[in-house]
Amino acid sequence: MNHEDIKQISREIDCDVYTLQQFRNNNVLDENLKDVKSPNPLELKKLAKEIKPILKKSKK
């Protein structure tokens, strides 16, 4: 998933709690995910700040 995918999901969901978790590829069930890089924690924080207003809007 990319940032735009996550933003789109945040527009479509209606929930009280939304958790954005960092992916880690060191213990995966799907071997295809072993080569996927873990996202930068700073990028995740930035993304969380971007989607927070979207989630608050959907609660209204």
PDB file of N, CA and C in Angstrom:
ATOM      1  N   MET A   1       0.834  -1.184   0.000  1.00  0.00           N
ATOM      2  CA  MET A   1       0.000   0.000   0.000  1.00  0.00           C
ATOM      3  C   MET A   1       0.878   1.246   0.000  1.00  0.00           C
ATOM      4  N   ASN A   2       0.375   2.246  -0.629  1.00  0.00           N
ATOM      5  CA  ASN A   2       1.087   3.521  -0.588  1.00  0.00           C
ATOM      6  C   ASN A   2       0.266   4.532   0.213  1.00  0.00           C
ATOM      7  N   HIS A   3       0.776   5.736   0.348  1.00  0.00           N
ATOM      8  CA  HIS A   3       0.110   6.753   1.165  1.00  0.00           C
ATOM      9  C   HIS A   3      -1.291   7.059   0.652  1.00  0.00           C
ATOM     10  N   GLU A   4      -1.441   7.132  -0.655  1.00  0.00           N
ATOM     11  CA  GLU A   4      -2.759   7.445  -1.216  1.00  0.00           C
ATOM     12  C   GLU A   4      -3.767   6.331  -0.911  1.00  0.00           C
ATOM     13  N   ASP A   5      -3.320   5.075  -0.920  1.00  0.00           N
ATOM     14  CA  ASP A   5      -4.205   3.963  -0.564  1.00  0.00           C
ATOM     15  C   ASP A   5      -4.721   4.133   0.865  1.00  0.00           C
ATOM     16  N   ILE A   6      -3.828   4.469   1.767  1.00  0.00           N
ATOM     17  CA  ILE A   6      -4.197   4.621   3.177  1.00  0.00           C
ATOM     18  C   ILE A   6      -5.116   5.823   3.364  1.00  0.00           C
ATOM     19  N   LYS A   7      -4.859   6.897   2.649  1.00  0.00           N
ATOM     20  CA  LYS A   7      -5.738   8.068   2.724  1.00  0.00           C
ATOM     21  C   LYS A   7      -7.141   7.709   2.222  1.00  0.00           C
ATOM     22  N   GLN A   8      -7.214   6.941   1.144  1.00  0.00           N
ATOM     23  CA  GLN A   8      -8.509   6.536   0.599  1.00  0.00           C
ATOM     24  C   GLN A   8      -9.263   5.658   1.600  1.00  0.00           C
ATOM     25  N   ILE A   9      -8.573   4.740   2.242  1.00  0.00           N
ATOM     26  CA  ILE A   9      -9.206   3.896   3.258  1.00  0.00           C
ATOM     27  C   ILE A   9      -9.744   4.757   4.391  1.00  0.00           C
ATOM     28  N   SER A  10      -8.972   5.756   4.805  1.00  0.00           N
ATOM     29  CA  SER A  10      -9.409   6.614   5.910  1.00  0.00           C
ATOM     30  C   SER A  10     -10.663   7.404   5.537  1.00  0.00           C
ATOM     31  N   ARG A  11     -10.858   7.675   4.251  1.00  0.00           N
ATOM     32  CA  ARG A  11     -12.072   8.371   3.803  1.00  0.00           C
ATOM     33  C   ARG A  11     -13.281   7.435   3.831  1.00  0.00           C
ATOM     34  N   GLU A  12     -13.035   6.157   3.646  1.00  0.00           N
ATOM     35  CA  GLU A  12     -14.125   5.194   3.498  1.00  0.00           C
ATOM     36  C   GLU A  12     -14.574   4.526   4.791  1.00  0.00           C
ATOM     37  N   ILE A  13     -13.739   4.527   5.806  1.00  0.00           N
ATOM     38  CA  ILE A  13     -14.104   3.820   7.036  1.00  0.00           C
ATOM     39  C   ILE A  13     -14.862   4.739   7.991  1.00  0.00           C
ATOM     40  N   ASP A  14     -15.654   4.111   8.821  1.00  0.00           N
ATOM     41  CA  ASP A  14     -16.375   4.831   9.866  1.00  0.00           C
ATOM     42  C   ASP A  14     -16.122   4.062  11.156  1.00  0.00           C
ATOM     43  N   CYS A  15     -15.197   4.572  11.963  1.00  0.00           N
ATOM     44  CA  CYS A  15     -14.834   3.839  13.172  1.00  0.00           C
ATOM     45  C   CYS A  15     -14.415   4.807  14.272  1.00  0.00           C
ATOM     46  N   ASP A  16     -14.343   4.276  15.480  1.00  0.00           N
ATOM     47  CA  ASP A  16     -13.922   5.080  16.622  1.00  0.00           C
ATOM     48  C   ASP A  16     -12.408   5.093  16.793  1.00  0.00           C
ATOM     49  N   VAL A  17     -11.761   3.989  16.419  1.00  0.00           N
ATOM     50  CA  VAL A  17     -10.315   3.859  16.587  1.00  0.00           C
ATOM     51  C   VAL A  17      -9.721   3.363  15.274  1.00  0.00           C
ATOM     52  N   TYR A  18      -8.669   4.015  14.870  1.00  0.00           N
ATOM     53  CA  TYR A  18      -7.961   3.625  13.646  1.00  0.00           C
ATOM     54  C   TYR A  18      -6.492   3.551  14.000  1.00  0.00           C
ATOM     55  N   THR A  19      -5.868   2.402  13.762  1.00  0.00           N
ATOM     56  CA  THR A  19      -4.466   2.220  14.116  1.00  0.00           C
ATOM     57  C   THR A  19      -3.637   2.028  12.857  1.00  0.00           C
ATOM     58  N   LEU A  20      -2.627   2.820  12.732  1.00  0.00           N
ATOM     59  CA  LEU A  20      -1.683   2.713  11.632  1.00  0.00           C
ATOM     60  C   LEU A  20      -0.438   2.035  12.193  1.00  0.00           C
ATOM     61  N   GLN A  21      -0.178   0.811  11.752  1.00  0.00           N
ATOM     62  CA  GLN A  21       0.929   0.049  12.309  1.00  0.00           C
ATOM     63  C   GLN A  21       2.062  -0.088  11.312  1.00  0.00           C
ATOM     64  N   GLN A  22       3.269  -0.133  11.840  1.00  0.00           N
ATOM     65  CA  GLN A  22       4.446  -0.290  10.993  1.00  0.00           C
ATOM     66  C   GLN A  22       4.619  -1.757  10.619  1.00  0.00           C
ATOM     67  N   PHE A  23       4.773  -2.009   9.341  1.00  0.00           N
ATOM     68  CA  PHE A  23       5.024  -3.357   8.842  1.00  0.00           C
ATOM     69  C   PHE A  23       6.481  -3.725   9.074  1.00  0.00           C
ATOM     70  N   ARG A  24       6.695  -4.933   9.529  1.00  0.00           N
ATOM     71  CA  ARG A  24       8.055  -5.466   9.680  1.00  0.00           C
ATOM     72  C   ARG A  24       8.101  -6.805   8.972  1.00  0.00           C
ATOM     73  N   ASN A  25       9.095  -6.994   8.147  1.00  0.00           N
ATOM     74  CA  ASN A  25       9.153  -8.187   7.302  1.00  0.00           C
ATOM     75  C   ASN A  25       9.996  -9.333   7.871  1.00  0.00           C
ATOM     76  N   ASN A  26      10.352  -9.294   9.136  1.00  0.00           N
ATOM     77  CA  ASN A  26      11.245 -10.330   9.657  1.00  0.00           C
ATOM     78  C   ASN A  26      10.529 -11.640  10.006  1.00  0.00           C
ATOM     79  N   ASN A  27       9.207 -11.643  10.108  1.00  0.00           N
ATOM     80  CA  ASN A  27       8.490 -12.872  10.428  1.00  0.00           C
ATOM     81  C   ASN A  27       7.133 -12.836   9.714  1.00  0.00           C
ATOM     82  N   VAL A  28       7.110 -13.276   8.458  1.00  0.00           N
ATOM     83  CA  VAL A  28       5.897 -13.165   7.644  1.00  0.00           C
ATOM     84  C   VAL A  28       5.395 -14.542   7.225  1.00  0.00           C
ATOM     85  N   LEU A  29       4.089 -14.654   7.034  1.00  0.00           N
ATOM     86  CA  LEU A  29       3.499 -15.897   6.550  1.00  0.00           C
ATOM     87  C   LEU A  29       3.633 -16.019   5.034  1.00  0.00           C
ATOM     88  N   ASP A  30       3.540 -14.900   4.356  1.00  0.00           N
ATOM     89  CA  ASP A  30       3.652 -14.880   2.904  1.00  0.00           C
ATOM     90  C   ASP A  30       5.100 -14.552   2.525  1.00  0.00           C
ATOM     91  N   GLU A  31       5.784 -15.492   1.937  1.00  0.00           N
ATOM     92  CA  GLU A  31       7.204 -15.310   1.578  1.00  0.00           C
ATOM     93  C   GLU A  31       7.424 -14.132   0.628  1.00  0.00           C
ATOM     94  N   ASN A  32       6.403 -13.760  -0.129  1.00  0.00           N
ATOM     95  CA  ASN A  32       6.527 -12.625  -1.048  1.00  0.00           C
ATOM     96  C   ASN A  32       6.738 -11.310  -0.298  1.00  0.00           C
ATOM     97  N   LEU A  33       6.387 -11.284   0.972  1.00  0.00           N
ATOM     98  CA  LEU A  33       6.520 -10.052   1.759  1.00  0.00           C
ATOM     99  C   LEU A  33       7.895  -9.892   2.396  1.00  0.00           C
ATOM    100  N   LYS A  34       8.726 -10.911   2.307  1.00  0.00           N
ATOM    101  CA  LYS A  34      10.067 -10.827   2.911  1.00  0.00           C
ATOM    102  C   LYS A  34      10.916  -9.715   2.309  1.00  0.00           C
ATOM    103  N   ASP A  35      10.684  -9.404   1.040  1.00  0.00           N
ATOM    104  CA  ASP A  35      11.482  -8.387   0.353  1.00  0.00           C
ATOM    105  C   ASP A  35      10.877  -6.984   0.432  1.00  0.00           C
ATOM    106  N   VAL A  36       9.719  -6.866   1.054  1.00  0.00           N
ATOM    107  CA  VAL A  36       9.084  -5.552   1.188  1.00  0.00           C
ATOM    108  C   VAL A  36       9.758  -4.796   2.337  1.00  0.00           C
ATOM    109  N   LYS A  37      10.197  -3.589   2.046  1.00  0.00           N
ATOM    110  CA  LYS A  37      10.885  -2.787   3.063  1.00  0.00           C
ATOM    111  C   LYS A  37       9.897  -2.281   4.106  1.00  0.00           C
ATOM    112  N   SER A  38      10.356  -2.196   5.330  1.00  0.00           N
ATOM    113  CA  SER A  38       9.559  -1.593   6.395  1.00  0.00           C
ATOM    114  C   SER A  38       9.524  -0.087   6.170  1.00  0.00           C
ATOM    115  N   PRO A  39       8.366   0.533   6.404  1.00  0.00           N
ATOM    116  CA  PRO A  39       8.295   1.986   6.201  1.00  0.00           C
ATOM    117  C   PRO A  39       9.094   2.739   7.262  1.00  0.00           C
ATOM    118  N   ASN A  40       9.508   3.894   6.897  1.00  0.00           N
ATOM    119  CA  ASN A  40      10.237   4.780   7.802  1.00  0.00           C
ATOM    120  C   ASN A  40       9.253   5.289   8.868  1.00  0.00           C
ATOM    121  N   PRO A  41       9.577   5.149  10.162  1.00  0.00           N
ATOM    122  CA  PRO A  41       8.666   5.610  11.224  1.00  0.00           C
ATOM    123  C   PRO A  41       8.302   7.089  11.111  1.00  0.00           C
ATOM    124  N   LEU A  42       9.228   7.906  10.637  1.00  0.00           N
ATOM    125  CA  LEU A  42       8.927   9.336  10.470  1.00  0.00           C
ATOM    126  C   LEU A  42       7.885   9.557   9.378  1.00  0.00           C
ATOM    127  N   GLU A  43       7.945   8.742   8.313  1.00  0.00           N
ATOM    128  CA  GLU A  43       6.944   8.838   7.257  1.00  0.00           C
ATOM    129  C   GLU A  43       5.571   8.422   7.771  1.00  0.00           C
ATOM    130  N   LEU A  44       5.534   7.399   8.629  1.00  0.00           N
ATOM    131  CA  LEU A  44       4.262   6.960   9.199  1.00  0.00           C
ATOM    132  C   LEU A  44       3.650   8.040  10.086  1.00  0.00           C
ATOM    133  N   LYS A  45       4.482   8.714  10.861  1.00  0.00           N
ATOM    134  CA  LYS A  45       3.979   9.807  11.702  1.00  0.00           C
ATOM    135  C   LYS A  45       3.408  10.928  10.842  1.00  0.00           C
ATOM    136  N   LYS A  46       4.106  11.238   9.763  1.00  0.00           N
ATOM    137  CA  LYS A  46       3.629  12.277   8.846  1.00  0.00           C
ATOM    138  C   LYS A  46       2.289  11.868   8.235  1.00  0.00           C
ATOM    139  N   LEU A  47       2.193  10.623   7.815  1.00  0.00           N
ATOM    140  CA  LEU A  47       0.956  10.124   7.230  1.00  0.00           C
ATOM    141  C   LEU A  47      -0.179  10.154   8.254  1.00  0.00           C
ATOM    142  N   ALA A  48       0.099   9.764   9.481  1.00  0.00           N
ATOM    143  CA  ALA A  48      -0.918   9.785  10.540  1.00  0.00           C
ATOM    144  C   ALA A  48      -1.453  11.203  10.733  1.00  0.00           C
ATOM    145  N   LYS A  49      -0.575  12.190  10.693  1.00  0.00           N
ATOM    146  CA  LYS A  49      -1.010  13.582  10.827  1.00  0.00           C
ATOM    147  C   LYS A  49      -1.881  14.008   9.650  1.00  0.00           C
ATOM    148  N   GLU A  50      -1.573  13.484   8.456  1.00  0.00           N
ATOM    149  CA  GLU A  50      -2.349  13.833   7.265  1.00  0.00           C
ATOM    150  C   GLU A  50      -3.756  13.222   7.304  1.00  0.00           C
ATOM    151  N   ILE A  51      -3.876  12.012   7.822  1.00  0.00           N
ATOM    152  CA  ILE A  51      -5.194  11.369   7.793  1.00  0.00           C
ATOM    153  C   ILE A  51      -6.053  11.697   9.016  1.00  0.00           C
ATOM    154  N   LYS A  52      -5.458  12.247  10.044  1.00  0.00           N
ATOM    155  CA  LYS A  52      -6.224  12.572  11.249  1.00  0.00           C
ATOM    156  C   LYS A  52      -7.409  13.497  10.944  1.00  0.00           C
ATOM    157  N   PRO A  53      -7.218  14.576  10.185  1.00  0.00           N
ATOM    158  CA  PRO A  53      -8.372  15.440   9.867  1.00  0.00           C
ATOM    159  C   PRO A  53      -9.428  14.712   9.025  1.00  0.00           C
ATOM    160  N   ILE A  54      -9.008  13.799   8.180  1.00  0.00           N
ATOM    161  CA  ILE A  54      -9.950  13.037   7.349  1.00  0.00           C
ATOM    162  C   ILE A  54     -10.824  12.179   8.249  1.00  0.00           C
ATOM    163  N   LEU A  55     -10.210  11.519   9.225  1.00  0.00           N
ATOM    164  CA  LEU A  55     -10.960  10.656  10.132  1.00  0.00           C
ATOM    165  C   LEU A  55     -11.909  11.472  10.996  1.00  0.00           C
ATOM    166  N   LYS A  56     -11.490  12.640  11.443  1.00  0.00           N
ATOM    167  CA  LYS A  56     -12.369  13.484  12.253  1.00  0.00           C
ATOM    168  C   LYS A  56     -13.579  13.943  11.440  1.00  0.00           C
ATOM    169  N   LYS A  57     -13.376  14.217  10.141  1.00  0.00           N
ATOM    170  CA  LYS A  57     -14.468  14.634   9.268  1.00  0.00           C
ATOM    171  C   LYS A  57     -15.510  13.536   9.128  1.00  0.00           C
ATOM    172  N   SER A  58     -15.042  12.293   9.024  1.00  0.00           N
ATOM    173  CA  SER A  58     -15.973  11.182   8.808  1.00  0.00           C
ATOM    174  C   SER A  58     -16.813  10.907  10.044  1.00  0.00           C
ATOM    175  N   LYS A  59     -16.382  11.374  11.216  1.00  0.00           N
ATOM    176  CA  LYS A  59     -17.123  11.168  12.450  1.00  0.00           C
ATOM    177  C   LYS A  59     -18.310  12.131  12.557  1.00  0.00           C
ATOM    178  N   LYS A  60     -18.313  13.211  11.785  1.00  0.00           N
ATOM    179  CA  LYS A  60     -19.370  14.227  11.887  1.00  0.00           C
ATOM    180  C   LYS A  60     -20.612  13.797  11.150  1.00  0.00           C
TER     181      LYS A  60
END
